[in-house]
PDB file of N, CA and C in Angstrom:
ATOM      1  N   MET A   1       0.850  -1.175   0.000  1.00  0.00           N
ATOM      2  CA  MET A   1       0.000   0.000   0.000  1.00  0.00           C
ATOM      3  C   MET A   1       0.892   1.233   0.000  1.00  0.00           C
ATOM      4  N   ASN A   2       0.501   2.207  -0.820  1.00  0.00           N
ATOM      5  CA  ASN A   2       1.236   3.458  -0.916  1.00  0.00           C
ATOM      6  C   ASN A   2       0.239   4.612  -0.774  1.00  0.00           C
ATOM      7  N   ILE A   3       0.336   5.336   0.322  1.00  0.00           N
ATOM      8  CA  ILE A   3      -0.505   6.514   0.539  1.00  0.00           C
ATOM      9  C   ILE A   3       0.430   7.694   0.728  1.00  0.00           C
ATOM     10  N   LYS A   4       0.287   8.707  -0.160  1.00  0.00           N
ATOM     11  CA  LYS A   4       1.209   9.833  -0.134  1.00  0.00           C
ATOM     12  C   LYS A   4       0.436  11.146  -0.164  1.00  0.00           C
ATOM     13  N   ASN A   5       0.754  12.050   0.766  1.00  0.00           N
ATOM     14  CA  ASN A   5       0.221  13.413   0.785  1.00  0.00           C
ATOM     15  C   ASN A   5      -1.299  13.461   0.630  1.00  0.00           C
ATOM     16  N   SER A   6      -2.001  12.677   1.412  1.00  0.00           N
ATOM     17  CA  SER A   6      -3.454  12.590   1.317  1.00  0.00           C
ATOM     18  C   SER A   6      -4.097  12.847   2.672  1.00  0.00           C
ATOM     19  N   TYR A   7      -5.351  13.286   2.644  1.00  0.00           N
ATOM     20  CA  TYR A   7      -6.151  13.463   3.852  1.00  0.00           C
ATOM     21  C   TYR A   7      -7.158  12.335   3.913  1.00  0.00           C
ATOM     22  N   ILE A   8      -7.122  11.593   5.022  1.00  0.00           N
ATOM     23  CA  ILE A   8      -8.025  10.469   5.223  1.00  0.00           C
ATOM     24  C   ILE A   8      -8.866  10.781   6.462  1.00  0.00           C
ATOM     25  N   TRP A   9     -10.181  10.882   6.268  1.00  0.00           N
ATOM     26  CA  TRP A   9     -11.076  11.233   7.369  1.00  0.00           C
ATOM     27  C   TRP A   9     -11.418   9.993   8.189  1.00  0.00           C
ATOM     28  N   ASP A  10     -12.513  10.039   8.927  1.00  0.00           N
ATOM     29  CA  ASP A  10     -12.874   8.976   9.871  1.00  0.00           C
ATOM     30  C   ASP A  10     -13.587   7.801   9.202  1.00  0.00           C
ATOM     31  N   LYS A  11     -13.439   6.636   9.837  1.00  0.00           N
ATOM     32  CA  LYS A  11     -14.132   5.406   9.455  1.00  0.00           C
ATOM     33  C   LYS A  11     -13.899   5.036   7.993  1.00  0.00           C
ATOM     34  N   VAL A  12     -12.654   5.111   7.557  1.00  0.00           N
ATOM     35  CA  VAL A  12     -12.262   4.761   6.193  1.00  0.00           C
ATOM     36  C   VAL A  12     -11.566   3.403   6.225  1.00  0.00           C
ATOM     37  N   ILE A  13     -11.937   2.538   5.281  1.00  0.00           N
ATOM     38  CA  ILE A  13     -11.285   1.240   5.133  1.00  0.00           C
ATOM     39  C   ILE A  13     -10.525   1.258   3.810  1.00  0.00           C
ATOM     40  N   ILE A  14      -9.227   0.978   3.885  1.00  0.00           N
ATOM     41  CA  ILE A  14      -8.393   0.878   2.691  1.00  0.00           C
ATOM     42  C   ILE A  14      -7.759  -0.502   2.702  1.00  0.00           C
ATOM     43  N   GLU A  15      -8.110  -1.298   1.691  1.00  0.00           N
ATOM     44  CA  GLU A  15      -7.596  -2.661   1.616  1.00  0.00           C
ATOM     45  C   GLU A  15      -6.189  -2.677   1.000  1.00  0.00           C
ATOM     46  N   ASP A  16      -5.625  -3.866   0.854  1.00  0.00           N
ATOM     47  CA  ASP A  16      -4.241  -4.055   0.395  1.00  0.00           C
ATOM     48  C   ASP A  16      -4.008  -3.591  -1.049  1.00  0.00           C
ATOM     49  N   ASN A  17      -2.743  -3.297  -1.332  1.00  0.00           N
ATOM     50  CA  ASN A  17      -2.228  -3.001  -2.673  1.00  0.00           C
ATOM     51  C   ASN A  17      -2.874  -1.789  -3.339  1.00  0.00           C
ATOM     52  N   CYS A  18      -3.198  -0.763  -2.562  1.00  0.00           N
ATOM     53  CA  CYS A  18      -3.763   0.469  -3.109  1.00  0.00           C
ATOM     54  C   CYS A  18      -2.677   1.528  -3.256  1.00  0.00           C
ATOM     55  N   ASN A  19      -2.849   2.393  -4.253  1.00  0.00           N
ATOM     56  CA  ASN A  19      -1.949   3.506  -4.478  1.00  0.00           C
ATOM     57  C   ASN A  19      -2.789   4.784  -4.452  1.00  0.00           C
ATOM     58  N   ILE A  20      -2.527   5.634  -3.467  1.00  0.00           N
ATOM     59  CA  ILE A  20      -3.333   6.844  -3.264  1.00  0.00           C
ATOM     60  C   ILE A  20      -2.383   8.021  -3.113  1.00  0.00           C
ATOM     61  N   GLU A  21      -2.535   9.026  -3.992  1.00  0.00           N
ATOM     62  CA  GLU A  21      -1.649  10.185  -3.950  1.00  0.00           C
ATOM     63  C   GLU A  21      -2.441  11.481  -4.025  1.00  0.00           C
ATOM     64  N   PHE A  22      -2.115  12.436  -3.160  1.00  0.00           N
ATOM     65  CA  PHE A  22      -2.696  13.782  -3.180  1.00  0.00           C
ATOM     66  C   PHE A  22      -4.225  13.728  -3.308  1.00  0.00           C
ATOM     67  N   THR A  23      -4.859  12.998  -2.404  1.00  0.00           N
ATOM     68  CA  THR A  23      -6.300  12.746  -2.466  1.00  0.00           C
ATOM     69  C   THR A  23      -6.942  13.074  -1.126  1.00  0.00           C
ATOM     70  N   ILE A  24      -8.207  13.493  -1.175  1.00  0.00           N
ATOM     71  CA  ILE A  24      -9.017  13.659   0.030  1.00  0.00           C
ATOM     72  C   ILE A  24     -10.046  12.533   0.037  1.00  0.00           C
ATOM     73  N   ILE A  25     -10.066  11.779   1.129  1.00  0.00           N
ATOM     74  CA  ILE A  25     -11.027  10.691   1.301  1.00  0.00           C
ATOM     75  C   ILE A  25     -11.853  11.025   2.535  1.00  0.00           C
ATOM     76  N   THR A  26     -13.156  11.249   2.325  1.00  0.00           N
ATOM     77  CA  THR A  26     -14.024  11.679   3.421  1.00  0.00           C
ATOM     78  C   THR A  26     -14.520  10.490   4.243  1.00  0.00           C
ATOM     79  N   ASP A  27     -15.431  10.727   5.165  1.00  0.00           N
ATOM     80  CA  ASP A  27     -15.917   9.715   6.111  1.00  0.00           C
ATOM     81  C   ASP A  27     -16.622   8.531   5.438  1.00  0.00           C
ATOM     82  N   ASN A  28     -16.488   7.370   6.080  1.00  0.00           N
ATOM     83  CA  ASN A  28     -17.229   6.155   5.732  1.00  0.00           C
ATOM     84  C   ASN A  28     -16.991   5.664   4.310  1.00  0.00           C
ATOM     85  N   VAL A  29     -15.771   5.786   3.828  1.00  0.00           N
ATOM     86  CA  VAL A  29     -15.407   5.315   2.492  1.00  0.00           C
ATOM     87  C   VAL A  29     -14.738   3.949   2.624  1.00  0.00           C
ATOM     88  N   HIS A  30     -15.002   3.058   1.658  1.00  0.00           N
ATOM     89  CA  HIS A  30     -14.358   1.744   1.617  1.00  0.00           C
ATOM     90  C   HIS A  30     -13.668   1.611   0.265  1.00  0.00           C
ATOM     91  N   ILE A  31     -12.352   1.490   0.301  1.00  0.00           N
ATOM     92  CA  ILE A  31     -11.550   1.339  -0.909  1.00  0.00           C
ATOM     93  C   ILE A  31     -11.050  -0.099  -0.927  1.00  0.00           C
ATOM     94  N   LYS A  32     -11.478  -0.846  -1.932  1.00  0.00           N
ATOM     95  CA  LYS A  32     -11.145  -2.265  -2.000  1.00  0.00           C
ATOM     96  C   LYS A  32      -9.758  -2.492  -2.602  1.00  0.00           C
ATOM     97  N   LYS A  33      -9.317  -3.743  -2.642  1.00  0.00           N
ATOM     98  CA  LYS A  33      -7.962  -4.132  -3.056  1.00  0.00           C
ATOM     99  C   LYS A  33      -7.569  -3.598  -4.428  1.00  0.00           C
ATOM    100  N   GLY A  34      -6.304  -3.181  -4.525  1.00  0.00           N
ATOM    101  CA  GLY A  34      -5.701  -2.847  -5.795  1.00  0.00           C
ATOM    102  C   GLY A  34      -6.194  -1.578  -6.466  1.00  0.00           C
ATOM    103  N   VAL A  35      -6.796  -0.676  -5.708  1.00  0.00           N
ATOM    104  CA  VAL A  35      -7.308   0.575  -6.274  1.00  0.00           C
ATOM    105  C   VAL A  35      -6.172   1.576  -6.444  1.00  0.00           C
ATOM    106  N   ASN A  36      -6.210   2.315  -7.551  1.00  0.00           N
ATOM    107  CA  ASN A  36      -5.243   3.370  -7.831  1.00  0.00           C
ATOM    108  C   ASN A  36      -6.007   4.685  -7.937  1.00  0.00           C
ATOM    109  N   ILE A  37      -5.759   5.607  -7.010  1.00  0.00           N
ATOM    110  CA  ILE A  37      -6.412   6.914  -7.044  1.00  0.00           C
ATOM    111  C   ILE A  37      -5.341   7.948  -7.367  1.00  0.00           C
ATOM    112  N   GLN A  38      -5.482   8.570  -8.546  1.00  0.00           N
ATOM    113  CA  GLN A  38      -4.475   9.511  -9.007  1.00  0.00           C
ATOM    114  C   GLN A  38      -4.654  10.879  -8.359  1.00  0.00           C
ATOM    115  N   SER A  39      -3.635  11.694  -8.444  1.00  0.00           N
ATOM    116  CA  SER A  39      -3.546  12.945  -7.686  1.00  0.00           C
ATOM    117  C   SER A  39      -4.668  13.935  -7.985  1.00  0.00           C
ATOM    118  N   GLY A  40      -5.000  14.693  -6.947  1.00  0.00           N
ATOM    119  CA  GLY A  40      -5.991  15.754  -7.054  1.00  0.00           C
ATOM    120  C   GLY A  40      -7.428  15.280  -6.975  1.00  0.00           C
ATOM    121  N   SER A  41      -7.650  14.055  -6.549  1.00  0.00           N
ATOM    122  CA  SER A  41      -9.003  13.496  -6.506  1.00  0.00           C
ATOM    123  C   SER A  41      -9.629  13.650  -5.127  1.00  0.00           C
ATOM    124  N   MET A  42     -10.962  13.504  -5.102  1.00  0.00           N
ATOM    125  CA  MET A  42     -11.708  13.517  -3.842  1.00  0.00           C
ATOM    126  C   MET A  42     -12.739  12.402  -3.886  1.00  0.00           C
ATOM    127  N   ILE A  43     -12.773  11.610  -2.820  1.00  0.00           N
ATOM    128  CA  ILE A  43     -13.745  10.536  -2.687  1.00  0.00           C
ATOM    129  C   ILE A  43     -14.716  10.961  -1.588  1.00  0.00           C
ATOM    130  N   SER A  44     -15.986  11.116  -1.946  1.00  0.00           N
ATOM    131  CA  SER A  44     -16.981  11.681  -1.036  1.00  0.00           C
ATOM    132  C   SER A  44     -17.606  10.630  -0.123  1.00  0.00           C
ATOM    133  N   PHE A  45     -18.375  11.088   0.823  1.00  0.00           N
ATOM    134  CA  PHE A  45     -18.980  10.323   1.910  1.00  0.00           C
ATOM    135  C   PHE A  45     -19.667   9.033   1.457  1.00  0.00           C
ATOM    136  N   GLY A  46     -19.283   7.915   2.094  1.00  0.00           N
ATOM    137  CA  GLY A  46     -19.981   6.653   1.913  1.00  0.00           C
ATOM    138  C   GLY A  46     -19.724   5.911   0.621  1.00  0.00           C
ATOM    139  N   VAL A  47     -18.781   6.339  -0.191  1.00  0.00           N
ATOM    140  CA  VAL A  47     -18.498   5.683  -1.467  1.00  0.00           C
ATOM    141  C   VAL A  47     -17.760   4.368  -1.219  1.00  0.00           C
ATOM    142  N   VAL A  48     -18.087   3.356  -2.034  1.00  0.00           N
ATOM    143  CA  VAL A  48     -17.334   2.103  -2.063  1.00  0.00           C
ATOM    144  C   VAL A  48     -16.670   2.030  -3.435  1.00  0.00           C
ATOM    145  N   VAL A  49     -15.326   1.983  -3.443  1.00  0.00           N
ATOM    146  CA  VAL A  49     -14.574   1.887  -4.699  1.00  0.00           C
ATOM    147  C   VAL A  49     -14.265   0.412  -4.929  1.00  0.00           C
ATOM    148  N   LYS A  50     -14.746  -0.130  -6.048  1.00  0.00           N
ATOM    149  CA  LYS A  50     -14.590  -1.552  -6.343  1.00  0.00           C
ATOM    150  C   LYS A  50     -13.133  -1.938  -6.586  1.00  0.00           C
ATOM    151  N   GLU A  51     -12.847  -3.201  -6.364  1.00  0.00           N
ATOM    152  CA  GLU A  51     -11.500  -3.758  -6.491  1.00  0.00           C
ATOM    153  C   GLU A  51     -10.899  -3.487  -7.870  1.00  0.00           C
ATOM    154  N   GLY A  52      -9.621  -3.038  -7.869  1.00  0.00           N
ATOM    155  CA  GLY A  52      -8.852  -2.879  -9.085  1.00  0.00           C
ATOM    156  C   GLY A  52      -9.153  -1.643  -9.923  1.00  0.00           C
ATOM    157  N   VAL A  53     -10.004  -0.763  -9.439  1.00  0.00           N
ATOM    158  CA  VAL A  53     -10.398   0.431 -10.194  1.00  0.00           C
ATOM    159  C   VAL A  53      -9.279   1.471 -10.165  1.00  0.00           C
ATOM    160  N   THR A  54      -9.116   2.202 -11.285  1.00  0.00           N
ATOM    161  CA  THR A  54      -8.230   3.368 -11.334  1.00  0.00           C
ATOM    162  C   THR A  54      -9.095   4.604 -11.466  1.00  0.00           C
ATOM    163  N   ILE A  55      -8.919   5.546 -10.551  1.00  0.00           N
ATOM    164  CA  ILE A  55      -9.639   6.818 -10.594  1.00  0.00           C
ATOM    165  C   ILE A  55      -8.672   7.857 -11.155  1.00  0.00           C
ATOM    166  N   PRO A  56      -9.026   8.465 -12.306  1.00  0.00           N
ATOM    167  CA  PRO A  56      -8.110   9.400 -12.971  1.00  0.00           C
ATOM    168  C   PRO A  56      -7.851  10.675 -12.166  1.00  0.00           C
ATOM    169  N   LYS A  57      -6.817  11.397 -12.558  1.00  0.00           N
ATOM    170  CA  LYS A  57      -6.438  12.661 -11.917  1.00  0.00           C
ATOM    171  C   LYS A  57      -7.626  13.608 -11.796  1.00  0.00           C
ATOM    172  N   ALA A  58      -7.656  14.329 -10.678  1.00  0.00           N
ATOM    173  CA  ALA A  58      -8.618  15.408 -10.430  1.00  0.00           C
ATOM    174  C   ALA A  58     -10.065  14.967 -10.555  1.00  0.00           C
ATOM    175  N   SER A  59     -10.367  13.731 -10.133  1.00  0.00           N
ATOM    176  CA  SER A  59     -11.739  13.222 -10.187  1.00  0.00           C
ATOM    177  C   SER A  59     -12.467  13.482  -8.881  1.00  0.00           C
ATOM    178  N   MET A  60     -13.782  13.627  -8.972  1.00  0.00           N
ATOM    179  CA  MET A  60     -14.660  13.726  -7.811  1.00  0.00           C
ATOM    180  C   MET A  60     -15.590  12.528  -7.871  1.00  0.00           C
ATOM    181  N   VAL A  61     -15.535  11.675  -6.850  1.00  0.00           N
ATOM    182  CA  VAL A  61     -16.361  10.475  -6.815  1.00  0.00           C
ATOM    183  C   VAL A  61     -17.374  10.642  -5.689  1.00  0.00           C
ATOM    184  N   SER A  62     -18.659  10.498  -6.042  1.00  0.00           N
ATOM    185  CA  SER A  62     -19.729  10.710  -5.079  1.00  0.00           C
ATOM    186  C   SER A  62     -20.856   9.718  -5.308  1.00  0.00           C
ATOM    187  N   LYS A  63     -21.649   9.455  -4.269  1.00  0.00           N
ATOM    188  CA  LYS A  63     -22.845   8.629  -4.388  1.00  0.00           C
ATOM    189  C   LYS A  63     -24.015   9.426  -4.942  1.00  0.00           C
ATOM    190  N   TYR A  64     -23.859  10.724  -5.094  1.00  0.00           N
ATOM    191  CA  TYR A  64     -24.969  11.590  -5.469  1.00  0.00           C
ATOM    192  C   TYR A  64     -24.687  12.346  -6.754  1.00  0.00           C
ATOM    193  N   THR A  65     -25.743  12.647  -7.488  1.00  0.00           N
ATOM    194  CA  THR A  65     -25.654  13.463  -8.686  1.00  0.00           C
ATOM    195  C   THR A  65     -26.806  14.467  -8.667  1.00  0.00           C
ATOM    196  N   PHE A  66     -26.616  15.598  -9.300  1.00  0.00           N
ATOM    197  CA  PHE A  66     -27.647  16.628  -9.306  1.00  0.00           C
ATOM    198  C   PHE A  66     -28.618  16.366 -10.448  1.00  0.00           C
ATOM    199  N   SER A  67     -29.914  16.342 -10.138  1.00  0.00           N
ATOM    200  CA  SER A  67     -30.950  16.134 -11.141  1.00  0.00           C
ATOM    201  C   SER A  67     -31.532  17.473 -11.562  1.00  0.00           C
ATOM    202  N   SER A  68     -31.452  17.762 -12.847  1.00  0.00           N
ATOM    203  CA  SER A  68     -32.033  19.014 -13.351  1.00  0.00           C
ATOM    204  C   SER A  68     -33.560  18.946 -13.388  1.00  0.00           C
ATOM    205  N   HIS A  69     -34.116  17.738 -13.294  1.00  0.00           N
ATOM    206  CA  HIS A  69     -35.575  17.582 -13.294  1.00  0.00           C
ATOM    207  C   HIS A  69     -36.179  17.912 -11.934  1.00  0.00           C
ATOM    208  N   THR A  70     -35.545  17.422 -10.863  1.00  0.00           N
ATOM    209  CA  THR A  70     -36.072  17.650  -9.514  1.00  0.00           C
ATOM    210  C   THR A  70     -35.376  18.798  -8.801  1.00  0.00           C
ATOM    211  N   LEU A  71     -34.257  19.246  -9.378  1.00  0.00           N
ATOM    212  CA  LEU A  71     -33.426  20.300  -8.781  1.00  0.00           C
ATOM    213  C   LEU A  71     -32.930  19.910  -7.386  1.00  0.00           C
ATOM    214  N   LYS A  72     -32.620  18.597  -7.233  1.00  0.00           N
ATOM    215  CA  LYS A  72     -32.105  18.080  -5.978  1.00  0.00           C
ATOM    216  C   LYS A  72     -30.967  17.106  -6.273  1.00  0.00           C
ATOM    217  N   PHE A  73     -30.139  16.862  -5.248  1.00  0.00           N
ATOM    218  CA  PHE A  73     -29.144  15.811  -5.354  1.00  0.00           C
ATOM    219  C   PHE A  73     -29.822  14.483  -5.069  1.00  0.00           C
ATOM    220  N   GLU A  74     -29.534  13.486  -5.911  1.00  0.00           N
ATOM    221  CA  GLU A  74     -30.136  12.164  -5.757  1.00  0.00           C
ATOM    222  C   GLU A  74     -29.049  11.109  -5.734  1.00  0.00           C
ATOM    223  N   GLU A  75     -29.292  10.050  -4.975  1.00  0.00           N
ATOM    224  CA  GLU A  75     -28.313   8.967  -4.883  1.00  0.00           C
ATOM    225  C   GLU A  75     -28.276   8.209  -6.205  1.00  0.00           C
ATOM    226  N   CYS A  76     -27.070   7.891  -6.655  1.00  0.00           N
ATOM    227  CA  CYS A  76     -26.887   7.165  -7.936  1.00  0.00           C
ATOM    228  C   CYS A  76     -27.217   5.705  -7.771  1.00  0.00           C
TER     229      CYS A  76
END
């Protein structure tokens, strides 16, 4: 596991063989085995990142998306 220059909040699970650089990981996130999170990314509350996934530079990962129909954030 390689974690460099990142902020890791509370109740975060990071499994083996992950590479995380210059990232913010908020509360209640679960990062499964072999995940690569590239620099400048943010993983938002309650997200589960599946095994072996690569998250590209400067990505925002969230369980919610904004709906232009309801004008509210909705869970994906």
